[in-house]
Amino acid sequence: MKKDAKQTTEITGDGPKVGIVSLGCPKALVDTERILTQLRSEGYQLTPQYEDANVVIVNTCGFLDSAKEESLEAIGEAMDANGKVIVTGCMGAEPEQITKKFPKVLAVTGPQQYEAVVGAVHNVAPPAHDPFVDLVPDYGIKLTPRHYAYLKISEGCNNRCTFCIIPSLRGDLVSRPVIQVLAEAERLVNGGVKEILVISQDTSAYGVDTKYQPYPWRNRTVRTKFIDLCRELGEMDAWVRLHYVYPYPHVDEVVELMNEGKVLPYIDIPFQHASPAVLKNMRRPAHQEKTLDRVKAWRAACPDLTIRSTFIVGFPGETEEDFEMLLDWMEEAELDRVGCFKYEAVAGAKANDLPGAVPEEVKEERFHRFMSLQQEISRERLAKKVGRTLPVIIDNMGTEGYVGRTQGDAPEIDGVVYVTGEGLKQGDIANVKITSSDEYDLFGNTV
């Protein structure tokens, strides 16, 4: 199947076979895992080959037009190779985009509609369930390596950023009950997971929609609230990594947990820009001075804190002055890990109606200037780790040793550590002395 998509590993047996292509963000990957867990529990077998499958599921991404094109390409590939295709995910919220081009797809469902997907599979290939053979682990089917897993704590989003159509695709914020999230985390850890990656569209808003509903948990009361969730996860025997956190004041409490070693000293915050004018057009918090003060306060409270973020250049109305302001902010903030995107119009996004479209060549030039600056910042910050001994989780074998990550690196999006040593296996956490660095990665030896 598509080599750049998450795919099923082969699980053979006598039941109907399902192939799946999962595109998009980790939140979509969790949706795919839930679908697979249900199907596997009903006796379905998983196959990575189109020609072996009784039906193929394509979980689509609809965040950007380029992502939609990739999703349509994946659907077309599955239709050509198999012909029996069920489409789900973000693009499914607007099914006419799919059915207009592929009128013979069997079904189209929107994001989070797990039951509808499973029902569509039943219609094509009824299950042949044998409870004595078709066993599913308590923690479900995972598409990540066994030693780490994504933990989705909510669906949807209450923010109305002008460049984003997520609320129209996935709805407003709906937080999962905290006892449900904690129970899932326990199952993951008991199943061998060493690192839990907490994800949602707005992680620090967790529980706002439920008015922080309290629940009994382990002879105490735990609220459906970001700080309570982090505190409880911090008591489990696993690394806890936080993604997509907005810089609200109450995040300060979580940074204290990081300094205590309860959760990883890592925080992923989508700042997007620094110019007040651009942030206003994006409908995002525009107090970049306060945000910078908060970043400095967090680092004072937790010196080992790693901050990752994403930014957009070339947003409609962005002037050279706005862009220079962003570069100045970056130099002062010295963020550890940064991704940058050139603004891309998304069908249905309010930003499309803003004046001052930035020419593509200007976007390209600003992108390279931005990344050149961040490369130097990253090089300097990583150089400060040389000589230190750091815990490193081993992801896989490299050509001349192991490849792992520090507590400051999330899988697939941040840098890695190239480790020289012996006797390690995937999922081990080893102490590694850092001997050198470059602009993105570290190099070291086990001690």
Protein backbone atom coordinates (compact mmCIF):
# COMPACT_ATOMS: atom_id res chain seq x y z
CA MET A 1 0.00 0.00 0.00
CA LYS A 2 1.13 3.63 0.06
CA LYS A 3 4.65 3.65 1.39
CA ASP A 4 4.22 7.01 3.14
CA ALA A 5 1.11 5.97 5.04
CA LYS A 6 0.70 4.01 8.24
CA GLN A 7 -0.26 0.47 7.30
CA THR A 8 -1.40 -2.68 9.03
CA THR A 9 1.04 -5.42 9.83
CA GLU A 10 -0.06 -8.81 8.60
CA ILE A 11 -2.12 -10.91 11.01
CA THR A 12 -3.24 -14.10 9.32
CA GLY A 13 -6.05 -16.54 10.00
CA ASP A 14 -9.29 -17.79 8.49
CA GLY A 15 -11.40 -14.64 8.85
CA PRO A 16 -12.04 -11.98 6.18
CA LYS A 17 -9.01 -9.81 5.42
CA VAL A 18 -8.95 -6.03 5.77
CA GLY A 19 -6.32 -3.65 4.44
CA ILE A 20 -6.01 -0.11 5.71
CA VAL A 21 -4.20 3.10 4.75
CA SER A 22 -4.03 5.72 7.52
CA LEU A 23 -3.11 9.27 6.52
CA GLY A 24 -2.76 12.47 8.53
CA CYS A 25 -1.89 13.30 12.11
CA PRO A 26 -1.49 11.11 15.22
CA LYS A 27 -5.11 11.84 16.14
CA ALA A 28 -6.20 10.11 12.93
CA LEU A 29 -3.82 7.25 13.68
CA VAL A 30 -5.59 6.68 17.00
CA ASP A 31 -8.92 6.53 15.12
CA THR A 32 -7.42 3.87 12.83
CA GLU A 33 -6.19 1.87 15.82
CA ARG A 34 -9.69 1.88 17.33
CA ILE A 35 -11.21 0.61 14.09
CA LEU A 36 -8.61 -2.13 13.80
CA THR A 37 -9.05 -3.17 17.43
CA GLN A 38 -12.80 -3.63 16.92
CA LEU A 39 -12.37 -5.51 13.64
CA ARG A 40 -9.66 -7.75 15.06
CA SER A 41 -11.85 -8.59 18.05
CA GLU A 42 -14.49 -9.77 15.57
CA GLY A 43 -12.10 -12.16 13.86
CA TYR A 44 -10.99 -10.06 10.90
CA GLN A 45 -7.44 -10.56 9.66
CA LEU A 46 -5.18 -7.66 8.69
CA THR A 47 -3.16 -7.59 5.51
CA PRO A 48 -0.73 -5.06 3.99
CA GLN A 49 -1.51 -6.25 0.45
CA TYR A 50 -4.35 -4.78 -1.63
CA GLU A 51 -4.81 -7.98 -3.62
CA ASP A 52 -5.29 -10.09 -0.45
CA ALA A 53 -7.93 -7.85 1.12
CA ASN A 54 -11.68 -8.46 1.06
CA VAL A 55 -12.05 -4.72 1.65
CA VAL A 56 -9.72 -1.72 2.03
CA ILE A 57 -10.27 1.17 4.46
CA VAL A 58 -8.70 4.55 3.66
CA ASN A 59 -8.58 6.96 6.62
CA THR A 60 -8.21 10.39 5.02
CA CYS A 61 -6.77 13.76 6.01
CA GLY A 62 -8.57 16.94 4.98
CA PHE A 63 -6.64 19.66 6.80
CA LEU A 64 -4.88 21.13 3.74
CA ASP A 65 -5.64 20.94 0.04
CA SER A 66 -2.35 19.09 -0.48
CA ALA A 67 -3.43 16.55 2.16
CA LYS A 68 -6.76 16.12 0.37
CA GLU A 69 -4.92 15.43 -2.87
CA GLU A 70 -2.82 12.80 -1.11
CA SER A 71 -5.99 11.23 0.29
CA LEU A 72 -7.67 11.16 -3.13
CA GLU A 73 -4.54 9.60 -4.58
CA ALA A 74 -4.63 6.89 -1.90
CA ILE A 75 -8.31 6.20 -2.59
CA GLY A 76 -7.59 5.95 -6.31
CA GLU A 77 -4.72 3.56 -5.73
CA ALA A 78 -6.91 1.33 -3.54
CA MET A 79 -9.76 1.45 -6.07
CA ASP A 80 -7.45 0.47 -8.93
CA ALA A 81 -5.81 -2.36 -7.00
CA ASN A 82 -8.81 -3.74 -5.13
CA GLY A 83 -12.08 -1.98 -5.99
CA LYS A 84 -13.77 -2.54 -2.62
CA VAL A 85 -12.98 0.62 -0.67
CA ILE A 86 -14.47 2.28 2.41
CA VAL A 87 -13.42 5.88 3.08
CA THR A 88 -13.39 7.51 6.49
CA GLY A 89 -11.65 10.39 8.28
CA CYS A 90 -11.67 14.16 7.90
CA MET A 91 -12.43 14.22 4.17
CA GLY A 92 -15.47 12.09 4.92
CA ALA A 93 -17.10 15.11 6.56
CA GLU A 94 -17.66 16.38 3.01
CA PRO A 95 -18.42 13.12 1.17
CA GLU A 96 -19.22 14.76 -2.16
CA GLN A 97 -15.50 15.50 -2.61
CA ILE A 98 -14.93 11.75 -2.67
CA THR A 99 -18.03 10.38 -4.36
CA LYS A 100 -17.75 12.89 -7.23
CA LYS A 101 -14.37 11.44 -8.18
CA PHE A 102 -14.95 7.88 -6.99
CA PRO A 103 -18.67 7.11 -7.27
CA LYS A 104 -18.07 3.39 -6.74
CA VAL A 105 -16.60 3.60 -3.23
CA LEU A 106 -18.64 1.39 -0.93
CA ALA A 107 -19.14 3.90 1.89
CA VAL A 108 -17.94 7.28 3.14
CA THR A 109 -17.97 8.17 6.83
CA GLY A 110 -16.69 11.17 8.74
CA PRO A 111 -14.05 11.31 11.50
CA GLN A 112 -14.63 9.36 14.72
CA GLN A 113 -17.49 7.34 13.17
CA TYR A 114 -15.97 4.02 14.17
CA GLU A 115 -19.24 2.11 14.33
CA ALA A 116 -20.21 3.23 10.82
CA VAL A 117 -16.88 2.04 9.43
CA VAL A 118 -17.19 -1.34 11.14
CA GLY A 119 -20.79 -1.62 9.92
CA ALA A 120 -19.70 -0.91 6.35
CA VAL A 121 -17.06 -3.65 6.64
CA HIS A 122 -19.74 -6.06 7.89
CA ASN A 123 -21.83 -5.33 4.80
CA VAL A 124 -18.97 -6.23 2.46
CA ALA A 125 -17.38 -9.09 4.36
CA PRO A 126 -19.36 -10.47 7.34
CA PRO A 127 -17.18 -11.48 10.31
CA ALA A 128 -16.20 -15.05 11.08
CA HIS A 129 -15.52 -14.68 14.78
CA ASP A 130 -14.00 -17.44 16.88
CA PRO A 131 -13.56 -16.24 20.49
CA PHE A 132 -11.10 -19.05 21.20
CA VAL A 133 -8.76 -17.99 18.39
CA ASP A 134 -9.21 -14.30 17.72
CA LEU A 135 -7.69 -12.78 20.82
CA VAL A 136 -6.97 -9.04 21.07
CA PRO A 137 -4.61 -7.61 23.71
CA ASP A 138 -6.21 -5.51 26.44
CA TYR A 139 -4.48 -2.42 25.03
CA GLY A 140 -5.88 -3.02 21.52
CA ILE A 141 -4.23 -3.00 18.11
CA LYS A 142 -1.42 -0.42 17.74
CA LEU A 143 0.20 0.88 14.57
CA THR A 144 3.13 2.35 16.48
CA PRO A 145 6.06 0.28 17.79
CA ARG A 146 5.18 -1.54 20.98
CA HIS A 147 7.20 0.75 23.25
CA TYR A 148 5.25 3.96 22.56
CA ALA A 149 1.62 4.86 21.91
CA TYR A 150 -0.60 7.88 21.35
CA LEU A 151 -3.26 8.64 23.96
CA LYS A 152 -6.06 10.81 22.61
CA ILE A 153 -7.84 12.69 25.40
CA SER A 154 -10.48 14.63 23.46
CA GLU A 155 -12.07 15.24 20.09
CA GLY A 156 -12.76 18.53 18.31
CA CYS A 157 -11.77 22.08 19.19
CA ASN A 158 -13.39 25.28 20.49
CA ASN A 159 -10.87 27.59 18.81
CA ARG A 160 -11.81 29.28 15.55
CA CYS A 161 -8.46 29.94 13.87
CA THR A 162 -9.04 31.41 10.44
CA PHE A 163 -6.62 29.01 8.72
CA CYS A 164 -8.15 25.86 10.23
CA ILE A 165 -11.27 23.85 9.37
CA ILE A 166 -10.90 21.23 12.11
CA PRO A 167 -14.00 22.41 14.07
CA SER A 168 -16.12 22.04 10.93
CA LEU A 169 -14.69 18.54 10.38
CA ARG A 170 -14.52 17.24 13.95
CA GLY A 171 -16.83 19.56 15.87
CA ASP A 172 -16.36 21.40 19.16
CA LEU A 173 -14.26 20.12 22.05
CA VAL A 174 -15.51 16.86 23.58
CA SER A 175 -13.28 15.63 26.39
CA ARG A 176 -13.09 11.95 27.26
CA PRO A 177 -13.86 11.17 30.93
CA VAL A 178 -10.62 11.20 32.87
CA ILE A 179 -11.17 7.70 34.29
CA GLN A 180 -11.57 6.37 30.75
CA VAL A 181 -8.30 8.02 29.67
CA LEU A 182 -6.41 6.80 32.75
CA ALA A 183 -7.73 3.26 32.34
CA GLU A 184 -6.51 3.21 28.74
CA ALA A 185 -3.12 4.52 29.83
CA GLU A 186 -2.85 1.75 32.42
CA ARG A 187 -3.64 -0.89 29.81
CA LEU A 188 -0.96 0.53 27.53
CA VAL A 189 1.69 0.52 30.25
CA ASN A 190 0.71 -2.99 31.37
CA GLY A 191 1.06 -4.05 27.73
CA GLY A 192 4.67 -2.89 27.53
CA VAL A 193 4.36 0.75 26.44
CA LYS A 194 7.27 2.83 27.77
CA GLU A 195 6.18 6.22 26.39
CA ILE A 196 2.71 7.77 26.23
CA LEU A 197 2.20 10.67 23.83
CA VAL A 198 -0.81 12.73 24.93
CA ILE A 199 -2.64 14.26 21.97
CA SER A 200 -5.77 16.24 21.14
CA GLN A 201 -6.53 19.37 19.16
CA ASP A 202 -6.10 21.59 22.25
CA THR A 203 -4.64 19.52 25.08
CA SER A 204 -4.54 22.29 27.68
CA ALA A 205 -8.30 22.88 27.22
CA TYR A 206 -9.01 19.34 28.36
CA GLY A 207 -12.17 19.20 30.49
CA VAL A 208 -13.41 22.75 29.81
CA ASP A 209 -16.50 21.38 28.08
CA THR A 210 -17.37 19.16 31.08
CA LYS A 211 -16.72 21.87 33.67
CA TYR A 212 -13.87 19.64 34.89
CA GLN A 213 -16.21 16.78 35.84
CA PRO A 214 -14.75 14.87 38.84
CA TYR A 215 -14.64 11.07 38.98
CA PRO A 216 -13.57 8.54 41.60
CA TRP A 217 -10.22 6.97 40.76
CA ARG A 218 -8.08 4.74 42.99
CA ASN A 219 -9.79 5.81 46.24
CA ARG A 220 -9.54 9.51 45.42
CA THR A 221 -11.29 12.12 43.28
CA VAL A 222 -9.73 13.17 39.98
CA ARG A 223 -11.08 16.01 37.86
CA THR A 224 -11.35 15.92 34.07
CA LYS A 225 -8.70 18.63 33.96
CA PHE A 226 -5.27 19.00 32.35
CA ILE A 227 -3.30 19.25 35.60
CA ASP A 228 -5.13 16.33 37.24
CA LEU A 229 -4.63 14.15 34.17
CA CYS A 230 -0.91 14.93 34.03
CA ARG A 231 -0.49 14.30 37.75
CA GLU A 232 -2.12 10.85 37.49
CA LEU A 233 -0.26 9.88 34.31
CA GLY A 234 2.95 10.93 36.04
CA GLU A 235 2.42 8.15 38.60
CA MET A 236 2.52 5.47 35.92
CA ASP A 237 5.75 3.77 34.95
CA ALA A 238 6.19 5.46 31.57
CA TRP A 239 7.44 8.60 29.90
CA VAL A 240 4.56 11.06 29.40
CA ARG A 241 4.94 13.50 26.51
CA LEU A 242 2.54 16.41 25.94
CA HIS A 243 1.55 17.61 22.47
CA TYR A 244 -0.55 20.51 21.16
CA VAL A 245 -0.60 22.54 24.37
CA TYR A 246 -1.74 26.16 24.22
CA PRO A 247 0.20 28.55 26.52
CA TYR A 248 -2.61 29.20 29.00
CA PRO A 249 -1.58 30.34 32.51
CA HIS A 250 -2.60 27.03 34.12
CA VAL A 251 0.10 25.26 32.09
CA ASP A 252 2.54 26.67 34.69
CA GLU A 253 1.34 23.96 37.09
CA VAL A 254 2.22 21.24 34.59
CA VAL A 255 5.71 22.67 34.12
CA GLU A 256 6.21 22.17 37.85
CA LEU A 257 5.40 18.47 37.35
CA MET A 258 8.01 18.38 34.60
CA ASN A 259 10.64 19.76 36.94
CA GLU A 260 9.67 17.08 39.48
CA GLY A 261 10.21 14.37 36.87
CA LYS A 262 6.54 13.33 36.81
CA VAL A 263 6.06 14.08 33.11
CA LEU A 264 8.71 14.64 30.46
CA PRO A 265 10.24 18.14 30.33
CA TYR A 266 8.86 18.58 26.83
CA ILE A 267 6.02 20.70 25.58
CA ASP A 268 4.65 21.09 22.07
CA ILE A 269 3.00 24.50 21.61
CA PRO A 270 1.63 25.66 18.22
CA PHE A 271 2.62 29.34 18.41
CA GLN A 272 2.11 29.85 14.63
CA HIS A 273 3.50 33.42 14.56
CA ALA A 274 4.74 36.33 16.69
CA SER A 275 3.44 39.43 14.94
CA PRO A 276 0.33 40.82 16.71
CA ALA A 277 -1.17 41.80 13.35
CA VAL A 278 -0.75 38.31 11.88
CA LEU A 279 -1.94 36.62 15.07
CA LYS A 280 -5.03 38.82 15.04
CA ASN A 281 -5.79 37.79 11.45
CA MET A 282 -5.27 34.17 12.51
CA ARG A 283 -7.63 34.71 15.49
CA ARG A 284 -5.00 33.48 17.89
CA PRO A 285 -3.74 35.03 21.17
CA ALA A 286 -1.78 38.12 20.11
CA HIS A 287 0.17 38.90 23.30
CA GLN A 288 3.54 37.67 22.11
CA GLU A 289 5.34 39.62 24.87
CA LYS A 290 3.43 37.72 27.56
CA THR A 291 4.05 34.46 25.72
CA LEU A 292 7.78 35.17 25.63
CA ASP A 293 7.73 35.96 29.35
CA ARG A 294 5.93 32.68 29.98
CA VAL A 295 8.53 30.75 27.97
CA LYS A 296 11.30 32.34 30.04
CA ALA A 297 9.45 31.60 33.29
CA TRP A 298 8.98 27.96 32.28
CA ARG A 299 12.67 27.58 31.55
CA ALA A 300 13.54 29.15 34.90
CA ALA A 301 11.20 26.70 36.64
CA CYS A 302 12.39 23.69 34.59
CA PRO A 303 15.90 24.20 33.15
CA ASP A 304 15.80 20.97 31.10
CA LEU A 305 12.56 21.94 29.35
CA THR A 306 12.43 21.32 25.60
CA ILE A 307 9.95 23.49 23.69
CA ARG A 308 8.76 22.50 20.22
CA SER A 309 6.45 24.55 18.02
CA THR A 310 5.14 25.14 14.52
CA PHE A 311 4.86 28.38 12.56
CA ILE A 312 3.23 29.59 9.36
CA VAL A 313 4.98 32.01 7.01
CA GLY A 314 3.30 33.83 4.15
CA PHE A 315 -0.07 34.14 5.88
CA PRO A 316 -2.38 36.61 4.07
CA GLY A 317 -1.41 40.16 5.02
CA GLU A 318 2.01 39.18 6.42
CA THR A 319 4.37 42.06 5.65
CA GLU A 320 8.16 42.02 5.67
CA GLU A 321 7.95 43.88 8.99
CA ASP A 322 5.72 41.13 10.41
CA PHE A 323 8.16 38.48 9.24
CA GLU A 324 11.16 40.31 10.69
CA MET A 325 9.26 40.54 13.99
CA LEU A 326 8.84 36.76 13.88
CA LEU A 327 12.58 36.27 13.32
CA ASP A 328 13.42 38.62 16.21
CA TRP A 329 11.01 36.72 18.46
CA MET A 330 12.59 33.42 17.46
CA GLU A 331 16.06 34.68 18.31
CA GLU A 332 14.90 35.69 21.77
CA ALA A 333 12.72 32.63 22.46
CA GLU A 334 15.37 30.11 21.30
CA LEU A 335 12.90 27.29 20.83
CA ASP A 336 14.49 23.85 20.70
CA ARG A 337 12.47 22.17 17.97
CA VAL A 338 10.54 24.03 15.28
CA GLY A 339 8.55 23.18 12.19
CA CYS A 340 7.55 25.73 9.57
CA PHE A 341 4.84 25.67 6.92
CA LYS A 342 4.27 27.96 3.97
CA TYR A 343 0.67 29.16 4.14
CA GLU A 344 -1.63 27.10 2.00
CA ALA A 345 -5.23 28.02 1.34
CA VAL A 346 -7.74 25.47 2.61
CA ALA A 347 -11.20 25.22 1.10
CA GLY A 348 -13.70 26.53 3.63
CA ALA A 349 -11.18 28.40 5.78
CA LYS A 350 -11.99 32.03 6.62
CA ALA A 351 -8.38 33.04 5.92
CA ASN A 352 -9.14 32.64 2.22
CA ASP A 353 -11.16 35.88 2.36
CA LEU A 354 -8.36 37.94 3.92
CA PRO A 355 -6.65 40.57 1.75
CA GLY A 356 -2.92 40.71 1.07
CA ALA A 357 -2.15 37.31 -0.42
CA VAL A 358 1.61 36.69 -0.27
CA PRO A 359 3.23 35.59 -3.57
CA GLU A 360 4.53 32.04 -3.63
CA GLU A 361 8.11 33.14 -4.28
CA VAL A 362 7.99 35.38 -1.20
CA LYS A 363 6.64 32.50 0.91
CA GLU A 364 9.48 30.31 -0.32
CA GLU A 365 12.12 32.93 0.45
CA ARG A 366 10.73 33.55 3.95
CA PHE A 367 10.51 29.82 4.63
CA HIS A 368 14.22 29.37 3.88
CA ARG A 369 15.22 32.41 5.96
CA PHE A 370 13.16 31.14 8.86
CA MET A 371 14.56 27.61 8.72
CA SER A 372 18.12 28.88 8.33
CA LEU A 373 17.76 30.87 11.55
CA GLN A 374 16.14 27.97 13.41
CA GLN A 375 18.87 25.61 12.23
CA GLU A 376 21.47 27.79 13.94
CA ILE A 377 19.37 28.04 17.12
CA SER A 378 18.93 24.26 17.17
CA ARG A 379 22.65 23.70 16.58
CA GLU A 380 23.57 25.93 19.53
CA ARG A 381 21.03 24.39 21.89
CA LEU A 382 22.02 20.81 21.04
CA ALA A 383 25.71 21.64 21.47
CA LYS A 384 24.97 22.40 25.13
CA LYS A 385 24.05 18.73 25.63
CA VAL A 386 27.49 17.48 24.60
CA GLY A 387 29.27 15.97 27.61
CA ARG A 388 26.04 15.21 29.46
CA THR A 389 24.68 11.72 30.16
CA LEU A 390 21.01 11.50 29.15
CA PRO A 391 18.34 8.80 29.22
CA VAL A 392 17.64 7.65 25.66
CA ILE A 393 14.79 5.39 24.52
CA ILE A 394 15.87 3.01 21.75
CA ASP A 395 13.61 2.99 18.68
CA ASN A 396 15.52 0.73 16.31
CA MET A 397 18.84 -0.54 15.05
CA GLY A 398 20.90 1.71 12.79
CA THR A 399 23.63 0.74 10.33
CA GLU A 400 26.36 1.14 12.95
CA GLY A 401 24.53 0.98 16.25
CA TYR A 402 21.19 2.10 17.64
CA VAL A 403 18.83 4.97 16.93
CA GLY A 404 16.99 6.46 19.89
CA ARG A 405 15.54 9.65 21.33
CA THR A 406 16.12 11.80 24.38
CA GLN A 407 13.29 13.05 26.56
CA GLY A 408 13.39 16.17 24.37
CA ASP A 409 12.54 14.36 21.14
CA ALA A 410 9.16 13.05 19.99
CA PRO A 411 9.06 10.18 17.48
CA GLU A 412 9.01 11.00 13.78
CA ILE A 413 8.98 14.81 14.18
CA ASP A 414 12.10 15.68 16.21
CA GLY A 415 15.74 14.67 16.12
CA VAL A 416 17.35 11.38 17.13
CA VAL A 417 20.37 10.10 19.01
CA TYR A 418 22.80 7.79 17.20
CA VAL A 419 24.00 5.46 19.93
CA THR A 420 27.09 3.28 20.00
CA GLY A 421 26.80 0.35 22.39
CA GLU A 422 25.85 -3.28 22.80
CA GLY A 423 23.10 -5.45 24.21
CA LEU A 424 20.18 -3.05 23.71
CA LYS A 425 16.78 -3.78 22.19
CA GLN A 426 13.87 -1.74 20.98
CA GLY A 427 12.11 0.02 23.86
CA ASP A 428 15.07 -0.06 26.25
CA ILE A 429 15.91 3.18 28.05
CA ALA A 430 19.69 3.52 28.25
CA ASN A 431 22.01 6.10 29.78
CA VAL A 432 23.98 7.65 26.93
CA LYS A 433 26.89 10.06 27.17
CA ILE A 434 26.54 12.65 24.40
CA THR A 435 29.83 13.03 22.52
CA SER A 436 28.84 15.30 19.61
CA SER A 437 25.94 17.04 17.89
CA ASP A 438 24.88 18.74 14.67
CA GLU A 439 21.95 21.01 13.81
CA TYR A 440 19.28 18.36 14.48
CA ASP A 441 20.71 15.19 16.02
CA LEU A 442 22.96 13.92 18.84
CA PHE A 443 25.62 11.23 18.94
CA GLY A 444 26.75 9.26 21.98
CA ASN A 445 27.90 6.09 23.70
CA THR A 446 26.15 3.95 26.29
CA VAL A 447 27.59 4.13 29.81
